[in-house]
Protein backbone atom coordinates (compact mmCIF):
# COMPACT_ATOMS: atom_id res chain seq x y z
CA UNK A 1 -54.42 59.32 22.57
CA UNK A 2 -56.46 56.08 23.76
CA UNK A 3 -58.18 55.86 20.46
CA UNK A 4 -55.13 56.57 18.50
CA UNK A 5 -53.47 53.38 20.35
CA UNK A 6 -56.53 51.19 19.39
CA UNK A 7 -56.61 52.13 15.71
CA UNK A 8 -52.72 51.30 15.45
CA UNK A 9 -53.71 47.69 16.34
CA UNK A 10 -52.57 47.68 19.85
CA UNK A 11 -54.54 45.53 22.43
CA UNK A 12 -54.81 47.75 25.67
CA UNK A 13 -55.55 45.77 28.53
CA UNK A 14 -57.45 47.85 31.73
CA UNK A 15 -57.10 45.40 34.29
CA UNK A 16 -60.10 45.80 36.32
CA UNK A 17 -59.73 46.49 39.85
CA UNK A 18 -60.84 43.87 42.39
CA UNK A 19 -63.71 44.71 44.77
CA UNK A 20 -61.84 44.64 47.72
CA UNK A 21 -59.36 46.99 46.68
CA UNK A 22 -59.45 50.80 47.81
CA UNK A 23 -59.84 53.55 45.79
CA UNK A 24 -56.69 55.00 46.27
CA UNK A 25 -54.83 52.08 45.04
CA UNK A 26 -57.13 52.18 41.55
CA UNK A 27 -56.43 55.80 41.31
CA UNK A 28 -52.60 55.34 41.61
CA UNK A 29 -52.73 52.49 39.10
CA UNK A 30 -54.66 54.73 36.34
CA UNK A 31 -52.20 57.68 36.91
CA UNK A 32 -49.13 55.45 36.51
CA UNK A 33 -50.47 53.95 33.33
CA UNK A 34 -50.96 57.34 31.57
CA UNK A 35 -47.91 58.99 33.21
CA UNK A 36 -45.99 56.36 31.25
CA UNK A 37 -47.98 57.12 27.98
CA UNK A 38 -47.28 60.73 28.22
CA UNK A 39 -43.42 59.67 28.59
CA UNK A 40 -43.65 58.10 25.47
CA UNK A 41 -45.42 60.61 23.39
CA UNK A 42 -42.90 63.22 24.84
CA UNK A 43 -40.12 61.13 23.43
CA UNK A 44 -41.50 61.44 19.99
CA UNK A 45 -42.00 65.00 20.32
CA UNK A 46 -38.53 65.65 21.68
CA UNK A 47 -37.24 64.01 18.26
CA UNK A 48 -36.19 60.48 19.46
CA UNK A 49 -37.24 57.12 17.61
CA UNK A 50 -39.58 54.81 19.06
CA UNK A 51 -39.12 51.14 17.80
CA UNK A 52 -38.45 52.13 14.77
CA UNK A 53 -41.02 54.78 13.86
CA UNK A 54 -39.28 58.03 13.03
CA UNK A 55 -40.73 61.40 14.50
CA UNK A 56 -42.18 63.66 12.16
CA UNK A 57 -43.68 61.03 9.97
CA UNK A 58 -47.58 60.78 9.50
CA UNK A 59 -49.73 57.70 11.08
CA UNK A 60 -50.37 56.71 7.44
CA UNK A 61 -46.53 56.17 7.05
CA UNK A 62 -46.01 53.92 9.92
CA UNK A 63 -45.03 50.29 8.54
CA UNK A 64 -47.79 47.95 8.87
CA UNK A 65 -48.19 46.37 12.15
CA UNK A 66 -45.29 48.93 13.89
CA UNK A 67 -46.39 50.34 17.13
CA UNK A 68 -44.67 52.53 19.71
CA UNK A 69 -42.28 50.93 22.00
CA UNK A 70 -44.80 51.19 24.79
CA UNK A 71 -47.48 49.79 23.89
CA UNK A 72 -45.51 46.94 21.92
CA UNK A 73 -44.04 46.12 25.53
CA UNK A 74 -46.84 46.83 27.10
CA UNK A 75 -48.86 43.93 24.83
CA UNK A 76 -46.14 41.28 24.95
CA UNK A 77 -43.96 41.15 28.26
CA UNK A 78 -45.08 44.20 30.04
CA UNK A 79 -41.72 45.36 30.30
CA UNK A 80 -42.00 49.20 29.70
CA UNK A 81 -38.75 49.49 27.42
CA UNK A 82 -37.87 52.03 24.51
CA UNK A 83 -35.50 51.15 22.18
CA UNK A 84 -33.88 54.42 21.40
CA UNK A 85 -31.12 52.60 19.01
CA UNK A 86 -32.78 50.18 16.46
CA UNK A 87 -29.55 49.62 14.54
CA UNK A 88 -27.76 47.83 17.48
CA UNK A 89 -29.62 44.45 16.35
CA UNK A 90 -28.60 44.61 13.23
CA UNK A 91 -24.88 45.48 13.07
CA UNK A 92 -23.76 41.74 12.86
CA UNK A 93 -25.83 40.80 10.34
CA UNK A 94 -24.07 40.08 7.04
CA UNK A 95 -26.29 40.21 3.89
CA UNK A 96 -24.53 38.11 0.78
CA UNK A 97 -26.15 38.38 -2.68
CA UNK A 98 -24.98 34.78 -4.40
CA UNK A 99 -25.62 34.21 -7.97
CA UNK A 100 -28.92 36.52 -7.63
CA UNK A 101 -30.08 34.98 -4.42
CA UNK A 102 -29.69 37.06 -1.25
CA UNK A 103 -28.62 35.38 2.15
CA UNK A 104 -28.61 36.55 5.48
CA UNK A 105 -26.39 35.43 8.41
CA UNK A 106 -24.11 36.63 11.12
CA UNK A 107 -20.55 37.52 11.13
CA UNK A 108 -20.26 34.82 14.10
CA UNK A 109 -21.44 32.08 11.66
CA UNK A 110 -18.89 32.90 8.90
CA UNK A 111 -16.13 33.38 11.29
CA UNK A 112 -16.62 29.22 11.94
CA UNK A 113 -15.03 28.83 8.50
CA UNK A 114 -12.04 29.59 9.86
CA UNK A 115 -8.96 32.49 9.03
CA UNK A 116 -8.19 30.87 5.67
CA UNK A 117 -11.62 30.96 4.37
CA UNK A 118 -12.46 34.22 2.40
CA UNK A 119 -16.17 34.17 4.13
CA UNK A 120 -14.29 34.72 7.29
CA UNK A 121 -13.48 38.26 6.03
CA UNK A 122 -16.62 39.36 5.11
CA UNK A 123 -18.41 41.68 7.42
CA UNK A 124 -21.58 43.21 8.49
CA UNK A 125 -23.54 44.79 5.49
CA UNK A 126 -27.05 46.00 5.32
CA UNK A 127 -29.75 44.96 2.71
CA UNK A 128 -29.59 47.48 0.69
CA UNK A 129 -25.67 46.73 0.27
CA UNK A 130 -24.85 43.16 0.14
CA UNK A 131 -21.90 41.63 -0.43
CA UNK A 132 -22.18 40.02 -3.77
CA UNK A 133 -20.05 36.37 -4.51
CA UNK A 134 -20.57 34.73 -8.24
CA UNK A 135 -21.26 31.16 -7.14
CA UNK A 136 -23.97 28.76 -7.14
CA UNK A 137 -26.70 29.73 -4.40
CA UNK A 138 -27.95 26.23 -4.29
CA UNK A 139 -24.55 24.91 -3.19
CA UNK A 140 -24.04 27.90 -1.31
CA UNK A 141 -27.34 27.41 0.78
CA UNK A 142 -25.93 23.83 1.93
CA UNK A 143 -22.18 25.47 2.84
CA UNK A 144 -24.12 28.16 5.07
CA UNK A 145 -26.05 25.09 6.78
CA UNK A 146 -22.87 23.44 7.50
CA UNK A 147 -21.29 26.35 9.18
CA UNK A 148 -24.64 27.03 11.43
CA UNK A 149 -25.29 23.52 12.36
CA UNK A 150 -21.64 21.92 12.16
CA UNK A 151 -22.66 19.19 9.92
CA UNK A 152 -24.42 18.55 6.50
CA UNK A 153 -28.33 18.34 6.60
CA UNK A 154 -28.38 15.16 4.70
CA UNK A 155 -26.67 11.83 5.73
CA UNK A 156 -25.68 11.21 2.28
CA UNK A 157 -22.04 11.75 1.11
CA UNK A 158 -21.77 15.16 -0.42
CA UNK A 159 -21.62 15.21 -4.28
CA UNK A 160 -18.41 16.62 -6.05
CA UNK A 161 -19.64 19.71 -6.85
CA UNK A 162 -20.15 20.32 -3.40
CA UNK A 163 -17.03 19.56 -2.34
CA UNK A 164 -15.61 21.65 -5.19
CA UNK A 165 -17.48 24.34 -3.55
CA UNK A 166 -16.32 23.62 -0.11
CA UNK A 167 -12.89 23.66 -1.59
CA UNK A 168 -13.32 27.02 -3.09
CA UNK A 169 -14.24 28.47 0.39
CA UNK A 170 -11.29 26.24 2.29
CA UNK A 171 -13.79 24.72 4.24
CA UNK A 172 -13.20 21.25 2.57
CA UNK A 173 -11.35 19.51 5.26
CA UNK A 174 -13.95 20.61 7.91
CA UNK A 175 -16.75 19.20 5.60
CA UNK A 176 -14.86 15.80 5.10
CA UNK A 177 -13.77 15.36 8.69
CA UNK A 178 -17.54 16.26 9.96
CA UNK A 179 -18.87 13.38 7.37
CA UNK A 180 -17.86 10.36 9.83
CA UNK A 181 -17.01 11.64 13.16
CA UNK A 182 -15.66 9.05 15.59
CA UNK A 183 -18.26 10.14 18.12
CA UNK A 184 -20.81 9.17 16.02
CA UNK A 185 -19.87 5.48 15.84
CA UNK A 186 -22.33 2.90 17.14
CA UNK A 187 -22.02 -0.55 16.18
CA UNK A 188 -25.54 -1.59 16.90
CA UNK A 189 -26.48 1.08 14.34
CA UNK A 190 -24.07 -0.02 11.49
CA UNK A 191 -25.66 -0.27 8.17
CA UNK A 192 -24.98 -0.64 4.76
CA UNK A 193 -24.21 2.84 3.23
CA UNK A 194 -21.87 2.36 0.05
CA UNK A 195 -20.44 -0.12 -2.29
CA UNK A 196 -17.14 0.78 -3.75
CA UNK A 197 -16.31 -0.92 -7.09
CA UNK A 198 -12.52 -1.50 -7.52
CA UNK A 199 -11.03 -1.60 -11.15
CA UNK A 200 -9.50 -4.75 -12.37
CA UNK A 201 -10.19 -8.29 -12.18
CA UNK A 202 -8.25 -9.15 -8.90
CA UNK A 203 -10.30 -9.05 -5.96
CA UNK A 204 -9.63 -6.60 -2.71
CA UNK A 205 -6.65 -8.16 -0.41
CA UNK A 206 -6.68 -5.31 2.13
CA UNK A 207 -8.71 -2.43 3.34
CA UNK A 208 -8.06 0.61 5.74
CA UNK A 209 -9.15 3.74 6.93
CA UNK A 210 -7.36 6.79 8.05
CA UNK A 211 -7.52 7.33 11.82
CA UNK A 212 -8.27 9.94 13.83
CA UNK A 213 -7.68 13.08 13.89
CA UNK A 214 -7.79 12.82 9.92
CA UNK A 215 -11.06 12.21 8.02
CA UNK A 216 -11.97 8.81 7.55
CA UNK A 217 -10.72 8.51 4.21
CA UNK A 218 -10.59 4.80 3.05
CA UNK A 219 -7.68 2.78 0.96
CA UNK A 220 -7.91 -0.60 -0.74
CA UNK A 221 -5.74 -2.79 -2.10
CA UNK A 222 -6.56 -4.89 -5.33
CA UNK A 223 -3.71 -7.12 -6.27
CA UNK A 224 -0.70 -4.84 -6.77
CA UNK A 225 -2.85 -1.73 -7.20
CA UNK A 226 -3.57 0.65 -3.99
CA UNK A 227 -6.90 3.04 -4.45
CA UNK A 228 -7.65 5.74 -2.24
CA UNK A 229 -11.23 7.41 -1.62
CA UNK A 230 -11.59 10.66 0.36
CA UNK A 231 -13.95 10.79 3.09
CA UNK A 232 -17.17 11.58 1.06
CA UNK A 233 -16.58 8.22 -1.08
CA UNK A 234 -16.88 10.78 -4.14
CA UNK A 235 -13.09 10.65 -5.59
CA UNK A 236 -10.29 8.25 -5.96
CA UNK A 237 -6.89 8.28 -6.56
CA UNK A 238 -4.68 5.05 -7.63
CA UNK A 239 -1.12 4.17 -6.84
CA UNK A 240 0.43 1.04 -8.85
CA UNK A 241 3.04 -0.74 -6.56
CA UNK A 242 5.45 -3.14 -7.64
CA UNK A 243 4.49 -5.95 -5.34
CA UNK A 244 2.50 -8.67 -6.96
CA UNK A 245 -0.03 -8.41 -4.04
CA UNK A 246 -0.51 -6.73 -1.04
CA UNK A 247 -1.01 -8.35 2.07
CA UNK A 248 -0.62 -5.47 5.02
CA UNK A 249 -1.96 -1.97 4.26
CA UNK A 250 -2.17 0.98 6.28
CA UNK A 251 -3.73 4.42 6.14
CA UNK A 252 -1.59 7.03 7.59
CA UNK A 253 -3.44 9.92 6.47
CA UNK A 254 -5.85 10.80 3.59
CA UNK A 255 -2.59 11.20 1.34
CA UNK A 256 -0.46 8.46 2.68
CA UNK A 257 -0.75 4.70 2.67
CA UNK A 258 1.85 1.99 3.48
CA UNK A 259 1.39 -1.56 1.68
CA UNK A 260 3.78 -4.43 1.84
CA UNK A 261 3.74 -8.09 1.14
CA UNK A 262 4.65 -11.30 2.89
CA UNK A 263 7.19 -12.27 0.18
CA UNK A 264 8.34 -9.20 -1.19
CA UNK A 265 10.84 -6.71 0.34
CA UNK A 266 10.47 -3.48 2.14
CA UNK A 267 7.25 -1.31 3.33
CA UNK A 268 6.00 1.06 0.19
CA UNK A 269 4.71 4.54 0.67
CA UNK A 270 1.75 5.09 -1.50
CA UNK A 271 1.24 8.77 -1.67
CA UNK A 272 -2.28 9.87 -3.01
CA UNK A 273 -2.59 13.41 -5.20
CA UNK A 274 -5.64 15.54 -4.26
CA UNK A 275 -7.56 14.68 -7.44
CA UNK A 276 -9.48 12.23 -9.60
CA UNK A 277 -6.48 11.12 -12.18
CA UNK A 278 -4.54 8.05 -11.54
CA UNK A 279 -0.85 8.20 -9.93
CA UNK A 280 1.77 6.06 -11.12
CA UNK A 281 4.82 6.84 -9.77
CA UNK A 282 7.11 4.71 -8.03
CA UNK A 283 6.52 4.65 -4.26
CA UNK A 284 9.69 5.56 -1.68
CA UNK A 285 10.55 2.08 0.09
CA UNK A 286 11.27 1.46 3.84
CA UNK A 287 13.65 -1.58 4.83
CA UNK A 288 15.38 -3.04 7.58
CA UNK A 289 18.90 -1.84 7.36
CA UNK A 290 20.24 -4.94 8.84
CA UNK A 291 18.41 -7.12 6.26
CA UNK A 292 17.10 -4.93 3.04
CA UNK A 293 15.60 -8.01 1.45
CA UNK A 294 13.82 -8.73 4.59
CA UNK A 295 9.71 -9.10 3.83
CA UNK A 296 6.99 -7.51 5.94
CA UNK A 297 4.36 -9.40 8.32
CA UNK A 298 2.48 -6.59 9.88
CA UNK A 299 2.43 -2.91 10.16
CA UNK A 300 1.02 -0.71 12.39
CA UNK A 301 0.73 3.53 12.56
CA UNK A 302 0.51 5.20 15.60
CA UNK A 303 -0.78 9.07 16.17
CA UNK A 304 2.52 10.04 17.02
CA UNK A 305 3.69 9.98 13.46
CA UNK A 306 5.46 6.34 14.06
CA UNK A 307 5.31 3.44 12.12
CA UNK A 308 6.14 -0.08 13.19
CA UNK A 309 6.99 -3.14 10.88
CA UNK A 310 7.66 -6.42 11.46
CA UNK A 311 10.21 -7.81 9.30
CA UNK A 312 11.41 -11.10 8.73
CA UNK A 313 14.75 -11.96 6.52
CA UNK A 314 14.25 -13.72 3.38
CA UNK A 315 15.90 -16.78 4.71
CA UNK A 316 13.75 -17.05 7.85
CA UNK A 317 16.31 -17.20 10.29
CA UNK A 318 15.97 -13.72 11.92
CA UNK A 319 12.93 -11.02 12.50
CA UNK A 320 12.44 -7.97 14.16
CA UNK A 321 10.11 -4.94 14.86
CA UNK A 322 11.39 -1.84 13.33
CA UNK A 323 10.15 1.87 14.05
CA UNK A 324 10.35 4.51 11.98
CA UNK A 325 9.68 8.30 12.19
CA UNK A 326 7.27 9.42 9.38
CA UNK A 327 8.59 12.85 9.39
CA UNK A 328 12.19 11.83 8.69
CA UNK A 329 11.58 8.30 6.84
CA UNK A 330 14.48 7.07 9.10
CA UNK A 331 14.43 4.10 11.35
CA UNK A 332 14.48 5.10 15.12
CA UNK A 333 14.71 1.80 17.00
CA UNK A 334 14.86 -2.06 16.42
CA UNK A 335 12.63 -3.98 18.85
CA UNK A 336 12.85 -7.77 20.12
CA UNK A 337 15.08 -8.89 17.41
CA UNK A 338 15.27 -12.81 17.33
CA UNK A 339 17.57 -15.45 15.83
CA UNK A 340 16.93 -18.96 14.54
CA UNK A 341 19.59 -21.35 15.62
CA UNK A 342 19.24 -25.03 14.06
CA UNK A 343 15.58 -26.35 13.83
CA UNK A 344 14.32 -24.66 16.89
CA UNK A 345 11.89 -22.77 14.87
CA UNK A 346 9.41 -21.73 17.94
CA UNK A 347 12.10 -20.18 20.03
CA UNK A 348 11.90 -17.31 17.65
CA UNK A 349 8.37 -16.63 16.33
CA UNK A 350 8.10 -13.46 14.21
CA UNK A 351 5.25 -10.79 14.84
CA UNK A 352 2.11 -11.21 12.52
CA UNK A 353 -0.08 -8.98 14.38
CA UNK A 354 0.81 -5.55 15.93
CA UNK A 355 -1.24 -3.51 18.09
CA UNK A 356 -0.84 -0.07 20.38
CA UNK A 357 -1.78 1.23 23.46
CA UNK A 358 -1.24 4.70 23.57
CA UNK A 359 -2.59 4.97 27.13
CA UNK A 360 0.10 2.84 28.46
CA UNK A 361 2.63 3.49 25.68
CA UNK A 362 3.19 -0.15 25.04
CA UNK A 363 3.62 -2.15 21.52
CA UNK A 364 1.64 -5.30 21.30
CA UNK A 365 3.40 -8.35 19.27
CA UNK A 366 2.24 -11.51 18.67
CA UNK A 367 2.90 -14.30 16.43
CA UNK A 368 2.04 -18.11 16.26
CA UNK A 369 3.53 -21.04 14.55
CA UNK A 370 1.69 -24.41 13.68
CA UNK A 371 4.11 -27.68 14.15
CA UNK A 372 3.25 -31.54 14.63
CA UNK A 373 2.38 -30.53 18.21
CA UNK A 374 -0.27 -28.09 17.45
CA UNK A 375 -0.35 -24.51 17.35
CA UNK A 376 2.46 -22.29 19.56
CA UNK A 377 2.09 -18.79 19.81
CA UNK A 378 4.16 -15.42 21.85
CA UNK A 379 2.49 -12.21 23.14
CA UNK A 380 4.83 -9.94 24.11
CA UNK A 381 4.11 -6.15 25.39
CA UNK A 382 6.73 -3.64 24.55
CA UNK A 383 7.39 -0.54 26.31
CA UNK A 384 10.04 1.32 23.59
CA UNK A 385 11.08 3.93 26.06
CA UNK A 386 12.35 1.36 28.42
CA UNK A 387 13.82 -1.19 26.68
CA UNK A 388 13.83 -2.69 23.29
CA UNK A 389 15.56 -6.02 24.01
CA UNK A 390 13.06 -6.98 27.26
CA UNK A 391 9.50 -6.82 26.86
CA UNK A 392 7.54 -5.67 30.18
CA UNK A 393 5.27 -8.69 29.71
CA UNK A 394 5.21 -11.94 27.62
CA UNK A 395 2.86 -15.37 27.63
CA UNK A 396 3.53 -18.58 25.67
CA UNK A 397 0.23 -19.65 24.18
CA UNK A 398 0.00 -23.49 23.81
CA UNK A 399 -3.25 -24.70 24.99
CA UNK A 400 -6.07 -22.95 22.86
CA UNK A 401 -3.53 -20.62 20.96
CA UNK A 402 -4.58 -17.58 19.50
CA UNK A 403 -6.09 -17.22 16.12
CA UNK A 404 -5.71 -13.60 16.52
CA UNK A 405 -5.44 -11.16 19.14
CA UNK A 406 -6.12 -7.51 19.94
CA UNK A 407 -5.66 -4.69 22.55
CA UNK A 408 -7.86 -2.20 23.42
CA UNK A 409 -6.84 1.01 24.95
CA UNK A 410 -9.97 1.96 26.42
CA UNK A 411 -10.66 -1.36 28.07
CA UNK A 412 -7.27 -1.70 29.35
CA UNK A 413 -7.50 -5.09 28.15
CA UNK A 414 -5.84 -7.97 25.58
CA UNK A 415 -8.58 -9.88 23.58
CA UNK A 416 -7.97 -13.29 21.82
CA UNK A 417 -9.53 -15.81 19.52
CA UNK A 418 -8.84 -19.25 20.41
CA UNK A 419 -7.50 -21.32 17.64
CA UNK A 420 -9.27 -24.41 18.82
CA UNK A 421 -12.38 -23.39 20.50
CA UNK A 422 -13.14 -20.26 18.50
CA UNK A 423 -14.16 -18.32 21.78
CA UNK A 424 -13.27 -14.92 22.93
CA UNK A 425 -10.59 -14.55 26.02
CA UNK A 426 -9.64 -11.37 27.70
CA UNK A 427 -6.87 -10.51 29.99
CA UNK A 428 -7.10 -7.37 32.23
CA UNK A 429 -3.97 -5.34 31.62
CA UNK A 430 -4.25 -4.47 35.35
CA UNK A 431 -3.63 -7.95 36.52
CA UNK A 432 -0.67 -8.69 34.55
CA UNK A 433 2.23 -9.21 35.94
CA UNK A 434 5.36 -7.78 34.83
CA UNK A 435 8.81 -8.89 34.44
CA UNK A 436 8.12 -12.54 33.95
CA UNK A 437 5.58 -15.03 32.23
CA UNK A 438 2.31 -15.16 33.13
CA UNK A 439 0.68 -18.89 33.60
CA UNK A 440 -2.89 -18.22 32.55
CA UNK A 441 -3.87 -14.30 32.09
CA UNK A 442 -7.00 -15.52 30.17
CA UNK A 443 -10.74 -15.32 30.85
CA UNK A 444 -13.06 -16.82 28.64
CA UNK A 445 -15.96 -14.42 28.27
CA UNK A 446 -17.93 -16.82 26.00
CA UNK A 447 -18.58 -20.37 26.33
CA UNK A 448 -16.28 -21.79 28.53
CA UNK A 449 -17.18 -25.38 28.73
CA UNK A 450 -16.85 -25.33 25.02
CA UNK A 451 -13.66 -23.79 25.14
CA UNK A 452 -12.12 -26.10 27.17
CA UNK A 453 -13.82 -29.31 25.35
CA UNK A 454 -12.17 -27.95 21.91
CA UNK A 455 -8.82 -27.16 23.73
CA UNK A 456 -8.90 -30.99 24.81
CA UNK A 457 -9.95 -32.53 21.46
CA UNK A 458 -7.64 -29.92 19.50
CA UNK A 459 -10.21 -28.75 17.05
CA UNK A 460 -9.86 -25.67 14.94
CA UNK A 461 -13.15 -23.67 14.73
CA UNK A 462 -11.31 -20.59 14.99
CA UNK A 463 -8.96 -20.78 12.05
CA UNK A 464 -9.75 -17.95 10.06
CA UNK A 465 -11.39 -15.73 12.53
CA UNK A 466 -10.44 -12.27 13.03
CA UNK A 467 -10.67 -9.99 16.11
CA UNK A 468 -10.12 -5.77 16.44
CA UNK A 469 -10.81 -3.33 19.03
CA UNK A 470 -12.15 0.20 18.11
CA UNK A 471 -13.11 2.60 20.60
CA UNK A 472 -15.10 0.88 23.74
CA UNK A 473 -16.15 -2.34 21.53
CA UNK A 474 -14.65 -5.65 20.24
CA UNK A 475 -15.33 -6.70 17.07
CA UNK A 476 -15.24 -10.56 16.03
CA UNK A 477 -15.13 -11.70 12.37
CA UNK A 478 -16.37 -15.52 11.94
CA UNK A 479 -16.47 -16.30 8.11
CA UNK A 480 -18.97 -13.65 6.81
CA UNK A 481 -20.57 -12.60 10.06
CA UNK A 482 -19.47 -9.85 12.40
CA UNK A 483 -20.28 -9.86 15.89
CA UNK A 484 -19.48 -7.12 18.73
CA UNK A 485 -18.86 -7.04 22.22
CA UNK A 486 -19.86 -4.67 24.49
CA UNK A 487 -18.93 -4.09 28.12
CA UNK A 488 -22.09 -3.77 30.58
CA UNK A 489 -22.58 -3.60 34.36
CA UNK A 490 -23.59 -6.67 35.67
CA UNK A 491 -24.89 -5.61 39.16
CA UNK A 492 -25.90 -1.86 40.03
CA UNK A 493 -24.49 -1.99 43.72
CA UNK A 494 -21.41 -0.04 44.42
CA UNK A 495 -18.79 -2.53 43.51
CA UNK A 496 -20.57 -2.37 39.59
CA UNK A 497 -18.94 -5.87 38.24
CA UNK A 498 -18.97 -5.33 34.28
CA UNK A 499 -19.17 -7.92 31.91
CA UNK A 500 -19.09 -8.47 28.02
CA UNK A 501 -22.49 -9.25 26.35
CA UNK A 502 -22.36 -10.35 22.63
CA UNK A 503 -24.58 -8.83 19.78
CA UNK A 504 -24.34 -9.32 15.97
CA UNK A 505 -23.45 -6.31 13.70
CA UNK A 506 -26.27 -6.29 10.72
CA UNK A 507 -28.72 -9.25 9.63
CA UNK A 508 -29.11 -9.14 6.08
CA UNK A 509 -27.53 -10.13 2.96
CA UNK A 510 -24.66 -8.38 1.87
CA UNK A 511 -24.97 -5.67 -0.85
CA UNK A 512 -24.72 -6.41 -4.47
CA UNK A 513 -22.95 -4.69 -7.27
CA UNK A 514 -25.21 -3.24 -10.42
CA UNK A 515 -23.50 -5.41 -12.36
CA UNK A 516 -23.34 -8.51 -10.56
CA UNK A 517 -26.60 -10.09 -12.59
CA UNK A 518 -26.98 -13.41 -10.62
CA UNK A 519 -26.85 -11.39 -7.49
CA UNK A 520 -25.42 -12.84 -3.56
CA UNK A 521 -27.64 -14.97 -1.49
CA UNK A 522 -25.33 -16.00 0.83
CA UNK A 523 -22.70 -13.71 2.53
CA UNK A 524 -18.85 -14.30 1.33
CA UNK A 525 -16.25 -14.96 3.84
CA UNK A 526 -14.47 -11.71 4.99
CA UNK A 527 -10.74 -11.48 4.24
CA UNK A 528 -10.09 -8.04 5.65
CA UNK A 529 -11.74 -5.20 7.71
CA UNK A 530 -10.90 -1.67 9.11
CA UNK A 531 -12.85 0.89 11.37
CA UNK A 532 -12.52 4.55 11.56
CA UNK A 533 -14.68 7.75 12.27
CA UNK A 534 -18.52 6.17 12.12
CA UNK A 535 -17.39 3.50 9.66
CA UNK A 536 -16.92 0.00 9.38
CA UNK A 537 -15.24 -1.39 5.77
CA UNK A 538 -15.14 -5.00 4.65
CA UNK A 539 -13.60 -6.73 1.77
CA UNK A 540 -14.89 -10.04 0.90
CA UNK A 541 -13.30 -13.23 -1.06
CA UNK A 542 -13.53 -13.10 -4.61
CA UNK A 543 -15.61 -9.52 -4.56
CA UNK A 544 -14.38 -6.68 -6.60
CA UNK A 545 -15.90 -4.03 -4.12
CA UNK A 546 -15.77 -2.60 -0.85
CA UNK A 547 -18.43 -2.78 1.62
CA UNK A 548 -18.92 0.35 3.59
CA UNK A 549 -20.99 0.13 6.90
CA UNK A 550 -21.92 3.58 8.55
CA UNK A 551 -23.61 4.58 11.86
CA UNK A 552 -23.74 8.44 11.41
CA UNK A 553 -27.11 8.03 9.70
CA UNK A 554 -28.55 7.61 12.66
CA UNK A 555 -28.14 11.22 14.11
CA UNK A 556 -30.44 12.56 11.41
CA UNK A 557 -33.09 10.33 12.40
């Protein structure tokens, strides 16, 4: 038997008995080994299968490299176990014949496609009887890799053929959602990933990205046209609006966007079809019931299927923020209505910037007015559940009024860019007093001395600057460049004091279209931007394209 084992290619280890061991120990050691050898040989004689070798076969019929269960266990892990049922390990294996190529996976992997996918209904099958799928094996290999890993193997956006293949297996939604996940966003890793040319001669005036939990589809307004791109940036749909130009744009979902203009009434709903053909149907319009001709200054969409729009009457003597329910397309509540009496314009400044703090259920409404005495602005926080007439907090901005303001839910703060200084200021929501006007809530996180000097001399260094909060970061657009502020710990002690640190996003020239013969050496000014998923989208002045910056590619390196 020992010679037979060596002929089968199995290495039999006979450990030498130490010199200090007794003869009795050596005797029982050898007796134990040969007893197990006899047990293994006896199982074969009784008709049991040992590690895939059926009884009754000759040694010459044994598959190459196949050894008995005893010797295989002895040589590998010294665990003397005999597999009496070799089919148990392969009961979950699914064999597929896709276009002539064989694929093997498990039922658990295919079940990740969801109950609506035909792949989830495929059960285990042996190699001799595989499931046949009349599909392209090259595309199916990418689909199977996506089910195994949860993401595509390449950082490049999927092709139209791969999206069509995913749509056949009801996986297009999951595939698009994995392309630009918010968890993969990192501002310092943002790199230009795509340049989306727009049809026509009009430059883009607004850009927006669909928020989570929707996939990061993108919409852009150029002239009176709104163009939508899917999350893969592969297919597009176009909606022609009656607006001469679009000033405000909000992406509600991959199939719905809201467009409005400062001098044109109503909020226009742009519905995109899931295809490449243009759509030119007249969109629906949401209006302020008390003033149907009122124009829209700003818009905001929340995850709770609510849309807030800031309206101003055609005569500019009244304004209000109206909340709409997107399920019923009807107004829900009117917030902060103001009337102008006489020439006191500063008493009723309409909101031109809206923000949402979901963790506090607060609506940010801010607006400014430029007069002979300089800029004056109002910032208000509204709890729509408590009151629609009295804000929970408000502040009148006079000295170094804001050029733009934003709210961060994750940082529990408000941020603004001073119109005079151009510096960034921060106001902690946890320190704001409710039910009254706070005298000085702002703390300069930039150059405080420069901010004071600029405010005293009434400079306008902050004009045209934009500020936006996304996740745990604050972004500021200064002309053609984007800076990012990150919260860091200043001291490692128990108090853990934190501060804000500034960095720049990117440092190279802007992307140039292939049709641009002269090229661009200097970046053009940013006129609109948007954040969503792992992306940042930029629209620049006099450029018929949209820049897409992505940080998801870092996870593949």
